[in-house]
C-alpha atoms as a PDB file:
ATOM      1  CA  MET A   1     120.145 166.004 158.605  1.00  0.00           C
ATOM      2  CA  GLY A   2     121.750 168.604 156.505  1.00  0.00           C
ATOM      3  CA  PRO A   3     125.183 167.410 156.778  1.00  0.00           C
ATOM      4  CA  LEU A   4     123.527 163.940 155.563  1.00  0.00           C
ATOM      5  CA  VAL A   5     122.194 165.754 152.658  1.00  0.00           C
ATOM      6  CA  VAL A   6     125.479 167.415 151.532  1.00  0.00           C
ATOM      7  CA  GLU A   7     126.929 163.684 151.737  1.00  0.00           C
ATOM      8  CA  LEU A   8     124.331 162.451 149.724  1.00  0.00           C
ATOM      9  CA  ILE A   9     124.694 164.541 146.667  1.00  0.00           C
ATOM     10  CA  PRO A  10     127.924 163.296 145.017  1.00  0.00           C
ATOM     11  CA  THR A  11     126.825 160.271 145.491  1.00  0.00           C
ATOM     12  CA  ALA A  12     123.305 161.171 144.035  1.00  0.00           C
ATOM     13  CA  LEU A  13     125.112 162.695 141.217  1.00  0.00           C
ATOM     14  CA  GLY A  14     127.323 159.406 140.463  1.00  0.00           C
ATOM     15  CA  ILE A  15     123.744 157.900 139.574  1.00  0.00           C
ATOM     16  CA  VAL A  16     122.418 160.354 137.781  1.00  0.00           C
ATOM     17  CA  LEU A  17     125.340 160.903 135.357  1.00  0.00           C
ATOM     18  CA  SER A  18     125.222 156.894 134.793  1.00  0.00           C
ATOM     19  CA  PRO A  19     126.290 156.732 130.824  1.00  0.00           C
ATOM     20  CA  LEU A  20     125.553 153.287 130.160  1.00  0.00           C
ATOM     21  CA  ALA A  21     122.059 153.127 131.914  1.00  0.00           C
ATOM     22  CA  ILE A  22     121.037 156.359 129.882  1.00  0.00           C
ATOM     23  CA  MET A  23     122.643 155.208 126.506  1.00  0.00           C
ATOM     24  CA  ALA A  24     120.253 151.909 127.042  1.00  0.00           C
ATOM     25  CA  LEU A  25     117.150 154.092 127.899  1.00  0.00           C
ATOM     26  CA  VAL A  26     117.652 155.798 124.572  1.00  0.00           C
ATOM     27  CA  ALA A  27     118.014 152.420 122.701  1.00  0.00           C
ATOM     28  CA  VAL A  28     114.995 151.092 124.814  1.00  0.00           C
ATOM     29  CA  LEU A  29     112.699 154.601 123.521  1.00  0.00           C
ATOM     30  CA  LEU A  30     114.028 153.718 120.001  1.00  0.00           C
ATOM     31  CA  SER A  31     112.631 150.632 120.090  1.00  0.00           C
ATOM     32  CA  ARG A  32     109.533 149.116 118.130  1.00  0.00           C
ATOM     33  CA  LEU A  33     107.483 149.301 121.596  1.00  0.00           C
ATOM     34  CA  ALA A  34     108.963 152.835 122.620  1.00  0.00           C
ATOM     35  CA  ARG A  35     106.269 153.707 125.232  1.00  0.00           C
ATOM     36  CA  VAL A  36     105.664 150.483 127.150  1.00  0.00           C
ATOM     37  CA  ASN A  37     109.195 149.404 127.054  1.00  0.00           C
ATOM     38  CA  GLY A  38     110.288 153.161 128.554  1.00  0.00           C
ATOM     39  CA  ILE A  39     107.924 152.911 131.453  1.00  0.00           C
ATOM     40  CA  ALA A  40     109.128 149.170 132.057  1.00  0.00           C
ATOM     41  CA  TYR A  41     112.811 150.205 131.817  1.00  0.00           C
ATOM     42  CA  LEU A  42     111.721 153.366 134.454  1.00  0.00           C
ATOM     43  CA  ILE A  43     110.174 150.918 136.445  1.00  0.00           C
ATOM     44  CA  GLY A  44     113.126 148.288 136.742  1.00  0.00           C
ATOM     45  CA  TRP A  45     115.388 150.718 137.356  1.00  0.00           C
ATOM     46  CA  ALA A  46     113.327 152.326 140.256  1.00  0.00           C
ATOM     47  CA  ILE A  47     112.942 149.076 141.838  1.00  0.00           C
ATOM     48  CA  GLY A  48     116.678 148.124 141.250  1.00  0.00           C
ATOM     49  CA  LEU A  49     117.667 151.505 143.228  1.00  0.00           C
ATOM     50  CA  GLY A  50     114.937 151.821 145.927  1.00  0.00           C
ATOM     51  CA  GLY A  51     115.648 147.715 146.372  1.00  0.00           C
ATOM     52  CA  LEU A  52     119.578 147.854 147.228  1.00  0.00           C
ATOM     53  CA  LEU A  53     119.141 150.974 148.656  1.00  0.00           C
ATOM     54  CA  VAL A  54     116.242 149.837 151.496  1.00  0.00           C
ATOM     55  CA  LEU A  55     118.238 146.651 151.616  1.00  0.00           C
ATOM     56  CA  PHE A  56     120.998 147.932 152.556  1.00  0.00           C
ATOM     57  CA  ILE A  57     119.824 150.435 154.830  1.00  0.00           C
ATOM     58  CA  TRP A  58     118.134 147.567 156.670  1.00  0.00           C
ATOM     59  CA  ILE A  59     121.262 145.008 156.831  1.00  0.00           C
ATOM     60  CA  PHE A  60     123.294 148.473 158.040  1.00  0.00           C
ATOM     61  CA  GLN A  61     120.931 149.387 160.650  1.00  0.00           C
ATOM     62  CA  LEU A  62     120.506 145.679 161.946  1.00  0.00           C
ATOM     63  CA  LEU A  63     124.287 146.176 162.371  1.00  0.00           C
ATOM     64  CA  ASP A  64     124.080 149.207 164.756  1.00  0.00           C
ATOM     65  CA  LEU A  65     126.614 151.508 163.283  1.00  0.00           C
ATOM     66  CA  ARG A  66     125.545 153.912 166.003  1.00  0.00           C
ATOM     67  CA  PRO A  67     127.008 152.261 169.165  1.00  0.00           C
ATOM     68  CA  HIS A  68     126.458 154.059 172.538  1.00  0.00           C
ATOM     69  CA  SER A  69     130.360 154.997 172.781  1.00  0.00           C
ATOM     70  CA  GLY A  70     130.078 156.789 169.537  1.00  0.00           C
ATOM     71  CA  THR A  71     132.741 154.863 167.742  1.00  0.00           C
ATOM     72  CA  PRO A  72     131.983 153.406 164.489  1.00  0.00           C
ATOM     73  CA  PRO A  73     132.710 149.530 163.878  1.00  0.00           C
ATOM     74  CA  ALA A  74     135.905 148.910 162.723  1.00  0.00           C
ATOM     75  CA  TRP A  75     134.849 147.072 159.443  1.00  0.00           C
ATOM     76  CA  VAL A  76     132.936 150.022 158.522  1.00  0.00           C
ATOM     77  CA  ALA A  77     136.084 151.844 157.614  1.00  0.00           C
ATOM     78  CA  VAL A  78     137.444 148.900 155.907  1.00  0.00           C
ATOM     79  CA  VAL A  79     133.766 148.953 153.657  1.00  0.00           C
ATOM     80  CA  ARG A  80     134.709 152.888 153.089  1.00  0.00           C
ATOM     81  CA  LEU A  81     138.078 151.373 152.109  1.00  0.00           C
ATOM     82  CA  ILE A  82     136.966 149.134 149.760  1.00  0.00           C
ATOM     83  CA  LEU A  83     134.580 151.050 148.202  1.00  0.00           C
ATOM     84  CA  GLY A  84     137.111 154.050 147.761  1.00  0.00           C
ATOM     85  CA  VAL A  85     139.265 152.260 145.630  1.00  0.00           C
ATOM     86  CA  LEU A  86     136.572 150.892 143.603  1.00  0.00           C
ATOM     87  CA  PHE A  87     134.929 154.516 142.929  1.00  0.00           C
ATOM     88  CA  VAL A  88     138.931 155.543 141.895  1.00  0.00           C
ATOM     89  CA  CYS A  89     139.456 152.735 139.441  1.00  0.00           C
ATOM     90  CA  GLY A  90     135.789 153.069 138.403  1.00  0.00           C
ATOM     91  CA  ALA A  91     136.956 156.860 137.536  1.00  0.00           C
ATOM     92  CA  ILE A  92     139.869 155.773 135.640  1.00  0.00           C
ATOM     93  CA  TRP A  93     138.238 153.058 133.614  1.00  0.00           C
ATOM     94  CA  VAL A  94     134.936 155.827 132.747  1.00  0.00           C
ATOM     95  CA  TYR A  95     137.615 158.374 131.434  1.00  0.00           C
ATOM     96  CA  ARG A  96     139.737 156.043 129.543  1.00  0.00           C
ATOM     97  CA  LYS A  97     136.470 154.204 128.047  1.00  0.00           C
ATOM     98  CA  GLY A  98     135.238 157.790 127.048  1.00  0.00           C
ATOM     99  CA  ALA A  99     138.546 159.245 125.902  1.00  0.00           C
ATOM    100  CA  GLY A 100     139.133 155.828 123.623  1.00  0.00           C
ATOM    101  CA  ARG A 101     135.513 156.772 122.291  1.00  0.00           C
ATOM    102  CA  ILE A 102     136.491 160.397 121.588  1.00  0.00           C
ATOM    103  CA  ARG A 103     139.643 159.678 119.473  1.00  0.00           C
ATOM    104  CA  ARG A 104     137.655 157.276 117.165  1.00  0.00           C
ATOM    105  CA  MET A 105     135.293 159.457 116.540  1.00  0.00           C
ATOM    106  CA  ALA A 106     138.120 162.171 115.917  1.00  0.00           C
ATOM    107  CA  ALA A 107     139.558 159.851 113.487  1.00  0.00           C
ATOM    108  CA  ALA A 108     136.562 159.054 111.493  1.00  0.00           C
ATOM    109  CA  SER A 109     136.051 160.899 108.274  1.00  0.00           C
ATOM    110  CA  THR A 110     132.975 160.201 107.314  1.00  0.00           C
ATOM    111  CA  PRO A 111     129.386 160.688 109.005  1.00  0.00           C
ATOM    112  CA  LYS A 112     128.600 157.244 108.926  1.00  0.00           C
ATOM    113  CA  GLU A 113     132.005 156.573 110.826  1.00  0.00           C
ATOM    114  CA  VAL A 114     131.764 158.977 113.530  1.00  0.00           C
ATOM    115  CA  ALA A 115     128.066 157.478 114.307  1.00  0.00           C
ATOM    116  CA  ARG A 116     129.473 153.931 114.531  1.00  0.00           C
ATOM    117  CA  ALA A 117     132.427 155.208 116.975  1.00  0.00           C
ATOM    118  CA  ALA A 118     129.592 156.650 119.254  1.00  0.00           C
ATOM    119  CA  THR A 119     127.144 154.046 119.027  1.00  0.00           C
ATOM    120  CA  LEU A 120     126.151 151.480 121.903  1.00  0.00           C
ATOM    121  CA  PRO A 121     128.139 148.849 123.044  1.00  0.00           C
ATOM    122  CA  GLY A 122     127.592 145.469 121.189  1.00  0.00           C
ATOM    123  CA  TRP A 123     125.279 143.618 123.750  1.00  0.00           C
ATOM    124  CA  LEU A 124     122.729 146.289 123.637  1.00  0.00           C
ATOM    125  CA  GLN A 125     122.117 146.234 120.038  1.00  0.00           C
ATOM    126  CA  SER A 126     119.370 143.536 120.286  1.00  0.00           C
ATOM    127  CA  VAL A 127     117.203 146.224 123.134  1.00  0.00           C
ATOM    128  CA  SER A 128     115.309 147.512 119.891  1.00  0.00           C
ATOM    129  CA  THR A 129     113.918 144.254 119.976  1.00  0.00           C
ATOM    130  CA  PHE A 130     112.940 143.857 123.793  1.00  0.00           C
ATOM    131  CA  LYS A 131     109.308 143.329 124.786  1.00  0.00           C
ATOM    132  CA  PRO A 132     107.939 145.162 128.604  1.00  0.00           C
ATOM    133  CA  LEU A 133     109.299 142.241 130.729  1.00  0.00           C
ATOM    134  CA  ARG A 134     112.739 142.236 129.376  1.00  0.00           C
ATOM    135  CA  SER A 135     113.157 146.024 129.337  1.00  0.00           C
ATOM    136  CA  LEU A 136     112.131 145.887 133.035  1.00  0.00           C
ATOM    137  CA  LEU A 137     114.648 143.349 133.681  1.00  0.00           C
ATOM    138  CA  LEU A 138     117.250 145.385 131.867  1.00  0.00           C
ATOM    139  CA  GLY A 139     116.924 148.415 133.902  1.00  0.00           C
ATOM    140  CA  VAL A 140     116.903 146.247 137.303  1.00  0.00           C
ATOM    141  CA  GLY A 141     120.067 144.238 135.795  1.00  0.00           C
ATOM    142  CA  LEU A 142     121.651 147.745 134.613  1.00  0.00           C
ATOM    143  CA  PHE A 143     121.526 149.366 138.086  1.00  0.00           C
ATOM    144  CA  VAL A 144     122.104 146.398 140.254  1.00  0.00           C
ATOM    145  CA  LEU A 145     124.807 144.510 138.650  1.00  0.00           C
ATOM    146  CA  ASN A 146     126.542 147.789 137.573  1.00  0.00           C
ATOM    147  CA  PRO A 147     129.076 147.844 140.294  1.00  0.00           C
ATOM    148  CA  VAL A 148     129.652 151.481 139.907  1.00  0.00           C
ATOM    149  CA  ASP A 149     125.675 152.470 140.669  1.00  0.00           C
ATOM    150  CA  ALA A 150     125.450 149.560 143.253  1.00  0.00           C
ATOM    151  CA  SER A 151     128.076 150.967 145.211  1.00  0.00           C
ATOM    152  CA  CYS A 152     126.443 154.586 145.205  1.00  0.00           C
ATOM    153  CA  ALA A 153     123.401 153.069 146.664  1.00  0.00           C
ATOM    154  CA  ILE A 154     125.508 151.240 149.134  1.00  0.00           C
ATOM    155  CA  VAL A 155     127.436 154.134 149.884  1.00  0.00           C
ATOM    156  CA  ALA A 156     123.786 156.197 150.605  1.00  0.00           C
ATOM    157  CA  ALA A 157     122.770 153.656 152.854  1.00  0.00           C
ATOM    158  CA  LEU A 158     125.814 153.545 154.871  1.00  0.00           C
ATOM    159  CA  ASP A 159     125.587 157.255 155.274  1.00  0.00           C
ATOM    160  CA  ILE A 160     121.929 157.383 156.118  1.00  0.00           C
ATOM    161  CA  ALA A 161     122.225 154.172 158.532  1.00  0.00           C
ATOM    162  CA  GLN A 162     125.204 155.865 160.453  1.00  0.00           C
ATOM    163  CA  ALA A 163     123.845 159.280 160.376  1.00  0.00           C
ATOM    164  CA  ASP A 164     122.521 160.701 163.798  1.00  0.00           C
ATOM    165  CA  ILE A 165     118.908 161.251 162.892  1.00  0.00           C
ATOM    166  CA  THR A 166     115.379 160.193 163.187  1.00  0.00           C
ATOM    167  CA  ALA A 167     114.098 157.278 161.440  1.00  0.00           C
ATOM    168  CA  THR A 168     111.549 159.833 159.932  1.00  0.00           C
ATOM    169  CA  GLU A 169     114.332 161.540 158.551  1.00  0.00           C
ATOM    170  CA  ALA A 170     116.145 158.547 157.418  1.00  0.00           C
ATOM    171  CA  ALA A 171     113.065 157.598 155.388  1.00  0.00           C
ATOM    172  CA  LEU A 172     112.740 161.040 153.976  1.00  0.00           C
ATOM    173  CA  ALA A 173     116.419 161.167 152.954  1.00  0.00           C
ATOM    174  CA  ALA A 174     116.308 157.896 151.619  1.00  0.00           C
ATOM    175  CA  ILE A 175     113.106 158.742 149.300  1.00  0.00           C
ATOM    176  CA  GLY A 176     114.901 161.881 148.396  1.00  0.00           C
ATOM    177  CA  PHE A 177     117.908 160.156 147.000  1.00  0.00           C
ATOM    178  CA  TRP A 178     115.968 157.532 145.204  1.00  0.00           C
ATOM    179  CA  THR A 179     113.909 160.258 143.592  1.00  0.00           C
ATOM    180  CA  VAL A 180     117.120 162.182 142.334  1.00  0.00           C
ATOM    181  CA  GLY A 181     118.507 158.495 141.689  1.00  0.00           C
ATOM    182  CA  ILE A 182     115.406 157.807 138.741  1.00  0.00           C
ATOM    183  CA  LEU A 183     115.277 161.499 137.122  1.00  0.00           C
ATOM    184  CA  PRO A 184     117.937 160.909 134.386  1.00  0.00           C
ATOM    185  CA  ILE A 185     115.289 157.922 133.696  1.00  0.00           C
ATOM    186  CA  ALA A 186     112.329 159.013 133.995  1.00  0.00           C
ATOM    187  CA  VAL A 187     112.597 162.513 132.173  1.00  0.00           C
ATOM    188  CA  PRO A 188     113.341 161.141 128.949  1.00  0.00           C
ATOM    189  CA  VAL A 189     110.791 158.300 129.586  1.00  0.00           C
ATOM    190  CA  ILE A 190     107.644 161.143 130.104  1.00  0.00           C
ATOM    191  CA  TRP A 191     109.326 163.434 127.113  1.00  0.00           C
ATOM    192  CA  MET A 192     108.896 160.265 124.828  1.00  0.00           C
ATOM    193  CA  LEU A 193     105.129 159.896 126.243  1.00  0.00           C
ATOM    194  CA  VAL A 194     104.486 163.691 125.730  1.00  0.00           C
ATOM    195  CA  ALA A 195     106.335 164.167 122.212  1.00  0.00           C
ATOM    196  CA  GLY A 196     105.833 160.898 120.831  1.00  0.00           C
ATOM    197  CA  ALA A 197     107.988 160.484 117.383  1.00  0.00           C
ATOM    198  CA  LYS A 198     109.193 164.161 117.609  1.00  0.00           C
ATOM    199  CA  ALA A 199     111.073 163.073 120.551  1.00  0.00           C
ATOM    200  CA  GLN A 200     113.760 160.907 118.106  1.00  0.00           C
ATOM    201  CA  PRO A 201     115.740 163.166 116.825  1.00  0.00           C
ATOM    202  CA  THR A 202     116.380 164.350 120.529  1.00  0.00           C
ATOM    203  CA  LEU A 203     116.848 161.226 121.647  1.00  0.00           C
ATOM    204  CA  ASP A 204     119.372 160.527 118.951  1.00  0.00           C
ATOM    205  CA  ALA A 205     121.355 163.606 119.834  1.00  0.00           C
ATOM    206  CA  LEU A 206     121.268 162.994 123.630  1.00  0.00           C
ATOM    207  CA  ARG A 207     123.005 159.224 122.720  1.00  0.00           C
ATOM    208  CA  THR A 208     125.566 161.170 120.702  1.00  0.00           C
ATOM    209  CA  TRP A 209     126.207 164.000 123.216  1.00  0.00           C
ATOM    210  CA  ILE A 210     126.504 161.617 125.956  1.00  0.00           C
ATOM    211  CA  ALA A 211     128.821 159.104 123.710  1.00  0.00           C
ATOM    212  CA  GLY A 212     131.150 162.438 123.398  1.00  0.00           C
ATOM    213  CA  HIS A 213     131.053 164.405 126.849  1.00  0.00           C
ATOM    214  CA  THR A 214     130.058 162.666 130.115  1.00  0.00           C
ATOM    215  CA  HIS A 215     132.724 160.413 130.448  1.00  0.00           C
ATOM    216  CA  VAL A 216     134.854 163.606 132.163  1.00  0.00           C
ATOM    217  CA  LEU A 217     132.157 164.860 134.291  1.00  0.00           C
ATOM    218  CA  ASN A 218     131.170 161.229 135.204  1.00  0.00           C
ATOM    219  CA  ALA A 219     134.645 160.298 135.922  1.00  0.00           C
ATOM    220  CA  ALA A 220     135.173 163.332 138.015  1.00  0.00           C
ATOM    221  CA  LEU A 221     132.265 162.926 140.394  1.00  0.00           C
ATOM    222  CA  LEU A 222     133.581 158.994 140.963  1.00  0.00           C
ATOM    223  CA  LEU A 223     136.835 160.196 141.776  1.00  0.00           C
ATOM    224  CA  VAL A 224     135.224 162.726 144.136  1.00  0.00           C
ATOM    225  CA  ILE A 225     133.197 160.110 145.711  1.00  0.00           C
ATOM    226  CA  GLY A 226     136.133 157.648 146.128  1.00  0.00           C
ATOM    227  CA  VAL A 227     138.491 160.169 147.619  1.00  0.00           C
ATOM    228  CA  LEU A 228     135.748 161.031 150.348  1.00  0.00           C
ATOM    229  CA  GLN A 229     135.338 157.428 151.166  1.00  0.00           C
ATOM    230  CA  LEU A 230     138.894 157.108 151.274  1.00  0.00           C
ATOM    231  CA  GLN A 231     139.249 160.037 153.273  1.00  0.00           C
ATOM    232  CA  LYS A 232     136.075 158.940 155.972  1.00  0.00           C
ATOM    233  CA  ALA A 233     138.025 155.321 155.867  1.00  0.00           C
ATOM    234  CA  ALA A 234     141.422 157.149 157.106  1.00  0.00           C
ATOM    235  CA  SER A 235     140.178 159.140 159.964  1.00  0.00           C
ATOM    236  CA  ALA A 236     138.167 156.060 161.337  1.00  0.00           C
ATOM    237  CA  LEU A 237     141.343 153.729 161.253  1.00  0.00           C
ATOM    238  CA  ILE A 238     143.798 156.495 162.508  1.00  0.00           C
ATOM    239  CA  SER A 239     141.132 157.625 164.938  1.00  0.00           C
END
């Protein structure tokens, strides 16, 4: 099981450093119903990650990725190839988008302009008026409909289903991956519940820091995940 855990680490970190999800969470925690909305958003994110992970583990197990011949089906390599390309393109997009934000912040001449440059995407501005159900749906949607986060879950499911481990070990690996994936949402929500209004300055600082710094690390992780998938695909196609 050790090699599987090592394989899952970069994929899990790709979810942990999802900037849009964390920035949306900050907006939720600054909303009118911050506490209940934060819990609802966390539940939604957990459902999105857990549901997608379990669904694809089940699908891949039905497809029998560990045939007696020891050689996975050819389509597995094609799936990894497509996901690898998606991650590499995602890395380029994340880096360029973050670099553009940094340039706008550097060009700003007043604190107000800096804040505007580091602000949330326009469609997230309405989050402050959300009620718990919409916050829950936002959490689900931001995971399931985000191609990068969803692909990380699919890659993890593929690795778990293909690993030569017992059903119990597969379940433990999935639970561990799910737990790591919800930590970046769970920690700020717990902080809000504990600190209350005192958490707002920290949340504002967190949003600004994410806007200015996470794109490089996030892009690097996505690039690593993509290259690993491309390498696995190439090895399978050549052999």
